[in-house]
């Protein structure tokens, strides 16, 4: 199972939803709270190709987008494939 990295900010409902789904999937993930850390926010924006909204989620080194993107992958069954790779 590849390592998942999720950049979050406190009190973000989309971040909470994404974290809940990752926990439900028993995914191995690292949460990086970047909301109040300019260097982590800069890293997130660079890794995501310029996206500055929260959360930004990576499976391994593959950027899958934000919460809505991850939920779309879940609905299509693609998220399980990515997490199992």
C-alpha atoms as a PDB file:
ATOM      1  CA  UNK A   1       0.000   0.000   0.000  1.00  0.00           C
ATOM      2  CA  UNK A   2       1.579   3.324  -0.998  1.00  0.00           C
ATOM      3  CA  UNK A   3       1.998   6.051   1.569  1.00  0.00           C
ATOM      4  CA  UNK A   4      -0.614   8.807   1.388  1.00  0.00           C
ATOM      5  CA  UNK A   5       0.255  12.409   2.208  1.00  0.00           C
ATOM      6  CA  UNK A   6      -2.516  14.884   2.932  1.00  0.00           C
ATOM      7  CA  UNK A   7      -1.945  18.597   3.464  1.00  0.00           C
ATOM      8  CA  UNK A   8      -4.620  20.064   5.737  1.00  0.00           C
ATOM      9  CA  UNK A   9      -5.561  23.145   7.704  1.00  0.00           C
ATOM     10  CA  UNK A  10      -7.376  23.294  11.038  1.00  0.00           C
ATOM     11  CA  UNK A  11     -11.184  23.521  11.073  1.00  0.00           C
ATOM     12  CA  UNK A  12     -11.469  22.612   7.374  1.00  0.00           C
ATOM     13  CA  UNK A  13     -14.573  20.453   6.780  1.00  0.00           C
ATOM     14  CA  UNK A  14     -13.160  19.088   3.511  1.00  0.00           C
ATOM     15  CA  UNK A  15      -9.984  18.075   5.323  1.00  0.00           C
ATOM     16  CA  UNK A  16     -12.022  16.326   8.028  1.00  0.00           C
ATOM     17  CA  UNK A  17     -14.037  14.435   5.412  1.00  0.00           C
ATOM     18  CA  UNK A  18     -10.926  13.354   3.512  1.00  0.00           C
ATOM     19  CA  UNK A  19      -9.184  12.231   6.708  1.00  0.00           C
ATOM     20  CA  UNK A  20     -12.266  10.236   7.729  1.00  0.00           C
ATOM     21  CA  UNK A  21     -12.310   8.409   4.386  1.00  0.00           C
ATOM     22  CA  UNK A  22      -8.598   7.607   4.635  1.00  0.00           C
ATOM     23  CA  UNK A  23      -9.116   6.268   8.164  1.00  0.00           C
ATOM     24  CA  UNK A  24     -12.114   4.210   7.010  1.00  0.00           C
ATOM     25  CA  UNK A  25      -9.912   2.719   4.280  1.00  0.00           C
ATOM     26  CA  UNK A  26      -7.166   1.995   6.846  1.00  0.00           C
ATOM     27  CA  UNK A  27      -4.777   3.868   4.573  1.00  0.00           C
ATOM     28  CA  UNK A  28      -1.242   4.528   5.724  1.00  0.00           C
ATOM     29  CA  UNK A  29      -1.171   8.329   5.664  1.00  0.00           C
ATOM     30  CA  UNK A  30       0.758  11.294   6.931  1.00  0.00           C
ATOM     31  CA  UNK A  31      -1.136  14.491   7.699  1.00  0.00           C
ATOM     32  CA  UNK A  32       0.770  17.727   7.233  1.00  0.00           C
ATOM     33  CA  UNK A  33      -0.959  20.725   8.788  1.00  0.00           C
ATOM     34  CA  UNK A  34       0.061  23.423   6.345  1.00  0.00           C
ATOM     35  CA  UNK A  35      -2.594  26.048   7.065  1.00  0.00           C
ATOM     36  CA  UNK A  36      -0.443  28.192   9.313  1.00  0.00           C
ATOM     37  CA  UNK A  37       3.005  27.084   8.138  1.00  0.00           C
ATOM     38  CA  UNK A  38       4.162  29.145   5.132  1.00  0.00           C
ATOM     39  CA  UNK A  39       6.935  26.706   4.189  1.00  0.00           C
ATOM     40  CA  UNK A  40       4.582  23.694   4.212  1.00  0.00           C
ATOM     41  CA  UNK A  41       1.946  25.671   2.276  1.00  0.00           C
ATOM     42  CA  UNK A  42       4.583  26.557  -0.332  1.00  0.00           C
ATOM     43  CA  UNK A  43       5.627  22.893  -0.545  1.00  0.00           C
ATOM     44  CA  UNK A  44       1.971  21.853  -1.002  1.00  0.00           C
ATOM     45  CA  UNK A  45       1.406  24.381  -3.782  1.00  0.00           C
ATOM     46  CA  UNK A  46       4.595  23.341  -5.581  1.00  0.00           C
ATOM     47  CA  UNK A  47       3.823  19.618  -5.329  1.00  0.00           C
ATOM     48  CA  UNK A  48       0.221  20.093  -6.462  1.00  0.00           C
ATOM     49  CA  UNK A  49       1.065  22.112  -9.542  1.00  0.00           C
ATOM     50  CA  UNK A  50      -0.237  25.387  -8.135  1.00  0.00           C
ATOM     51  CA  UNK A  51      -3.339  24.270  -6.270  1.00  0.00           C
ATOM     52  CA  UNK A  52      -3.724  26.227  -3.040  1.00  0.00           C
ATOM     53  CA  UNK A  53      -6.979  24.873  -1.592  1.00  0.00           C
ATOM     54  CA  UNK A  54      -7.163  22.368   1.257  1.00  0.00           C
ATOM     55  CA  UNK A  55      -6.760  19.472   1.405  1.00  0.00           C
ATOM     56  CA  UNK A  56      -4.267  18.401  -1.242  1.00  0.00           C
ATOM     57  CA  UNK A  57      -3.782  14.648  -1.349  1.00  0.00           C
ATOM     58  CA  UNK A  58      -0.995  12.500  -2.763  1.00  0.00           C
ATOM     59  CA  UNK A  59      -0.894   8.722  -3.115  1.00  0.00           C
ATOM     60  CA  UNK A  60       2.789   7.957  -3.261  1.00  0.00           C
ATOM     61  CA  UNK A  61       4.058  10.795  -5.455  1.00  0.00           C
ATOM     62  CA  UNK A  62       0.840  10.936  -7.525  1.00  0.00           C
ATOM     63  CA  UNK A  63      -1.277  14.024  -6.854  1.00  0.00           C
ATOM     64  CA  UNK A  64      -4.941  13.020  -6.760  1.00  0.00           C
ATOM     65  CA  UNK A  65      -6.325  16.473  -5.912  1.00  0.00           C
ATOM     66  CA  UNK A  66      -8.572  17.557  -3.090  1.00  0.00           C
ATOM     67  CA  UNK A  67     -11.425  16.045  -1.133  1.00  0.00           C
ATOM     68  CA  UNK A  68     -13.965  16.151  -3.970  1.00  0.00           C
ATOM     69  CA  UNK A  69     -11.435  14.522  -6.302  1.00  0.00           C
ATOM     70  CA  UNK A  70     -10.763  11.749  -3.797  1.00  0.00           C
ATOM     71  CA  UNK A  71     -14.503  11.182  -3.277  1.00  0.00           C
ATOM     72  CA  UNK A  72     -14.955  10.889  -7.052  1.00  0.00           C
ATOM     73  CA  UNK A  73     -12.174   8.274  -7.128  1.00  0.00           C
ATOM     74  CA  UNK A  74     -13.937   6.442  -4.296  1.00  0.00           C
ATOM     75  CA  UNK A  75     -17.269   6.426  -6.162  1.00  0.00           C
ATOM     76  CA  UNK A  76     -15.608   5.052  -9.298  1.00  0.00           C
ATOM     77  CA  UNK A  77     -13.702   2.366  -7.376  1.00  0.00           C
ATOM     78  CA  UNK A  78     -10.386   3.844  -8.489  1.00  0.00           C
ATOM     79  CA  UNK A  79      -9.308   4.884  -4.983  1.00  0.00           C
ATOM     80  CA  UNK A  80      -9.081   1.271  -3.796  1.00  0.00           C
ATOM     81  CA  UNK A  81      -6.897   0.444  -6.816  1.00  0.00           C
ATOM     82  CA  UNK A  82      -4.576   3.380  -6.101  1.00  0.00           C
ATOM     83  CA  UNK A  83      -4.299   2.488  -2.411  1.00  0.00           C
ATOM     84  CA  UNK A  84      -3.590  -1.167  -3.232  1.00  0.00           C
ATOM     85  CA  UNK A  85      -0.844  -0.452  -5.787  1.00  0.00           C
END
